[in-house]
Amino acid sequence: MTNSWIEYTLDRREQKGKVERALLRFRNSAIAGSFYGWAANVEVARETRQRTRKALNFFVNSELSRGFYAFRENVADALEARERAQRALIYFIHGALISAFKRWVEMVEEVVHHRELVAKSLSSILNRALRGTFNQWNHMTALWVNRRKRVIRSLRLY
């Protein structure tokens, strides 16, 4: 029994060693694969960067780039002109609104002045009419008083 246990233990150690070596190889191959994959990605990135740099150099030095820069300047000029036109339009609109408002204020002042004139005229007309009516009333009252006095005198004489 002791021999079989010792043999089993030794056998397990040997198998454990084999498994550890296999795992180590697997890990190393996985690490190596990762490294080679990373290295390949770096190389692809380097090549892409070189191609991009060549394309940019061509673009910068080409007729197309000059056309693009001219287009960009034209767009900037157009935007600036548009802003100036908008400011001018706003100024014009505000000027028209201010002018209309001033004319409205003038019209209100004119209406107030006309109302005052009409009120004075009506007052004058009413005062004239009232004065005439009052004078007529005074005259009629004076006539009535005179008639009454005559009537009273004539009644006293008889």
Protein backbone atom coordinates (compact mmCIF):
# COMPACT_ATOMS: atom_id res chain seq x y z
CA MET A 1 0.00 0.00 0.00
CA THR A 2 2.80 2.37 0.73
CA ASN A 3 4.44 1.72 -2.58
CA SER A 4 1.27 2.33 -4.51
CA TRP A 5 0.72 5.59 -2.65
CA ILE A 6 4.29 6.73 -3.33
CA GLU A 7 3.98 5.72 -6.95
CA TYR A 8 0.67 7.57 -7.19
CA THR A 9 2.25 10.70 -5.68
CA LEU A 10 5.26 10.53 -7.97
CA ASP A 11 3.00 9.91 -10.95
CA ARG A 12 0.87 12.94 -9.98
CA ARG A 13 3.99 15.12 -9.65
CA GLU A 14 5.17 14.04 -13.08
CA GLN A 15 1.76 14.72 -14.63
CA LYS A 16 1.59 18.08 -12.83
CA GLY A 17 5.00 19.01 -14.26
CA LYS A 18 3.90 18.02 -17.76
CA VAL A 19 0.70 20.06 -17.41
CA GLU A 20 2.66 23.06 -16.10
CA ARG A 21 5.13 22.88 -19.01
CA ALA A 22 2.22 22.59 -21.47
CA LEU A 23 0.49 25.53 -19.84
CA LEU A 24 3.73 27.51 -19.91
CA ARG A 25 4.14 26.75 -23.62
CA PHE A 26 0.49 27.68 -24.22
CA ARG A 27 0.88 30.93 -22.28
CA ASN A 28 4.10 31.74 -24.09
CA SER A 29 2.48 31.01 -27.43
CA ALA A 30 -0.55 33.18 -26.44
CA ILE A 31 1.77 35.98 -25.32
CA ALA A 32 3.86 35.56 -28.43
CA GLY A 33 0.71 35.61 -30.55
CA SER A 34 -0.45 38.75 -28.80
CA PHE A 35 2.94 40.36 -29.28
CA TYR A 36 3.07 39.44 -32.95
CA GLY A 37 -0.51 40.71 -33.36
CA TRP A 38 0.45 43.98 -31.67
CA ALA A 39 3.57 44.27 -33.79
CA ALA A 40 1.48 43.69 -36.92
CA ASN A 41 -1.01 46.36 -35.82
CA VAL A 42 1.86 48.79 -35.20
CA GLU A 43 3.22 48.09 -38.67
CA VAL A 44 -0.22 48.61 -40.24
CA ALA A 45 -0.62 51.88 -38.32
CA ARG A 46 2.84 53.00 -39.47
CA GLU A 47 2.03 52.20 -43.10
CA THR A 48 -1.33 53.97 -42.81
CA ARG A 49 0.38 57.02 -41.33
CA GLN A 50 2.89 57.07 -44.18
CA ARG A 51 0.16 56.78 -46.81
CA THR A 52 -1.84 59.51 -45.10
CA ARG A 53 1.21 61.77 -44.92
CA LYS A 54 1.87 61.22 -48.64
CA ALA A 55 -1.75 61.99 -49.48
CA LEU A 56 -1.70 65.13 -47.34
CA ASN A 57 1.54 66.29 -48.93
CA PHE A 58 0.01 65.75 -52.36
CA PHE A 59 -3.14 67.59 -51.30
CA VAL A 60 -1.23 70.51 -49.85
CA ASN A 61 0.99 70.87 -52.87
CA SER A 62 -1.64 70.27 -55.51
CA GLU A 63 -3.88 72.53 -57.50
CA LEU A 64 -6.80 71.03 -55.61
CA SER A 65 -5.50 72.43 -52.34
CA ARG A 66 -5.23 75.92 -53.81
CA GLY A 67 -8.79 75.61 -55.07
CA PHE A 68 -9.94 74.42 -51.68
CA TYR A 69 -8.27 77.34 -49.92
CA ALA A 70 -9.79 79.77 -52.42
CA PHE A 71 -13.19 78.16 -51.82
CA ARG A 72 -12.73 78.47 -48.06
CA GLU A 73 -11.85 82.16 -48.41
CA ASN A 74 -14.87 82.73 -50.66
CA VAL A 75 -17.11 81.08 -48.08
CA ALA A 76 -15.65 83.28 -45.33
CA ASP A 77 -16.15 86.40 -47.50
CA ALA A 78 -19.72 85.36 -48.30
CA LEU A 79 -20.48 84.82 -44.61
CA GLU A 80 -19.02 88.23 -43.78
CA ALA A 81 -21.05 89.88 -46.57
CA ARG A 82 -24.18 88.11 -45.33
CA GLU A 83 -23.58 89.37 -41.80
CA ARG A 84 -23.08 92.93 -43.09
CA ALA A 85 -26.28 92.69 -45.15
CA GLN A 86 -28.20 91.39 -42.13
CA ARG A 87 -26.88 94.25 -39.99
CA ALA A 88 -27.85 96.77 -42.70
CA LEU A 89 -31.31 95.23 -42.99
CA ILE A 90 -31.79 95.35 -39.23
CA TYR A 91 -30.62 98.98 -39.23
CA PHE A 92 -33.04 99.79 -42.07
CA ILE A 93 -35.94 98.00 -40.35
CA HIS A 94 -35.21 99.75 -37.05
CA GLY A 95 -34.99 103.06 -38.91
CA ALA A 96 -38.35 102.43 -40.57
CA LEU A 97 -39.91 101.40 -37.27
CA ILE A 98 -38.51 104.45 -35.51
CA SER A 99 -39.74 106.68 -38.33
CA ALA A 100 -43.22 105.11 -38.16
CA PHE A 101 -43.27 105.47 -34.37
CA LYS A 102 -42.25 109.15 -34.60
CA ARG A 103 -44.99 109.77 -37.18
CA TRP A 104 -47.48 108.04 -34.89
CA VAL A 105 -46.38 110.27 -31.97
CA GLU A 106 -46.81 113.33 -34.21
CA MET A 107 -50.27 112.14 -35.21
CA VAL A 108 -51.24 111.61 -31.56
CA GLU A 109 -50.02 115.11 -30.69
CA GLU A 110 -51.96 116.47 -33.68
CA VAL A 111 -55.12 114.63 -32.59
CA VAL A 112 -54.73 115.99 -29.05
CA HIS A 113 -54.29 119.52 -30.46
CA HIS A 114 -57.36 119.11 -32.70
CA ARG A 115 -59.40 117.87 -29.77
CA GLU A 116 -58.39 120.91 -27.75
CA LEU A 117 -59.38 123.18 -30.66
CA VAL A 118 -62.71 121.41 -31.08
CA ALA A 119 -63.32 121.59 -27.33
CA LYS A 120 -62.63 125.35 -27.37
CA SER A 121 -64.86 125.84 -30.41
CA LEU A 122 -67.69 123.83 -28.88
CA SER A 123 -67.26 125.68 -25.62
CA SER A 124 -67.41 129.00 -27.46
CA ILE A 125 -70.47 127.93 -29.45
CA LEU A 126 -72.20 126.61 -26.33
CA ASN A 127 -71.32 129.76 -24.37
CA ARG A 128 -72.63 131.93 -27.21
CA ALA A 129 -75.83 129.90 -27.37
CA LEU A 130 -76.20 129.91 -23.60
CA ARG A 131 -75.48 133.63 -23.49
CA GLY A 132 -78.13 134.26 -26.14
CA THR A 133 -80.61 132.05 -24.30
CA PHE A 134 -79.75 133.68 -20.99
CA ASN A 135 -80.11 137.15 -22.50
CA GLN A 136 -83.45 136.17 -24.00
CA TRP A 137 -84.52 134.76 -20.62
CA ASN A 138 -83.41 137.99 -18.94
CA HIS A 139 -85.36 140.02 -21.49
CA MET A 140 -88.45 137.86 -21.09
CA THR A 141 -88.16 137.99 -17.33
CA ALA A 142 -87.84 141.77 -17.45
CA LEU A 143 -90.92 141.97 -19.68
CA TRP A 144 -92.85 139.71 -17.34
CA VAL A 145 -91.78 141.77 -14.34
CA ASN A 146 -92.83 144.99 -16.13
CA ARG A 147 -96.18 143.49 -17.10
CA ARG A 148 -96.74 142.32 -13.56
CA LYS A 149 -95.91 145.74 -12.19
CA ARG A 150 -98.37 147.30 -14.63
CA VAL A 151 -100.99 144.81 -13.69
CA ILE A 152 -100.42 145.48 -10.01
CA ARG A 153 -100.55 149.25 -10.60
CA SER A 154 -103.68 149.01 -12.62
CA LEU A 155 -105.23 146.87 -9.91
CA ARG A 156 -104.31 149.45 -7.30
CA LEU A 157 -105.74 152.31 -9.30
CA TYR A 158 -109.12 150.69 -9.50
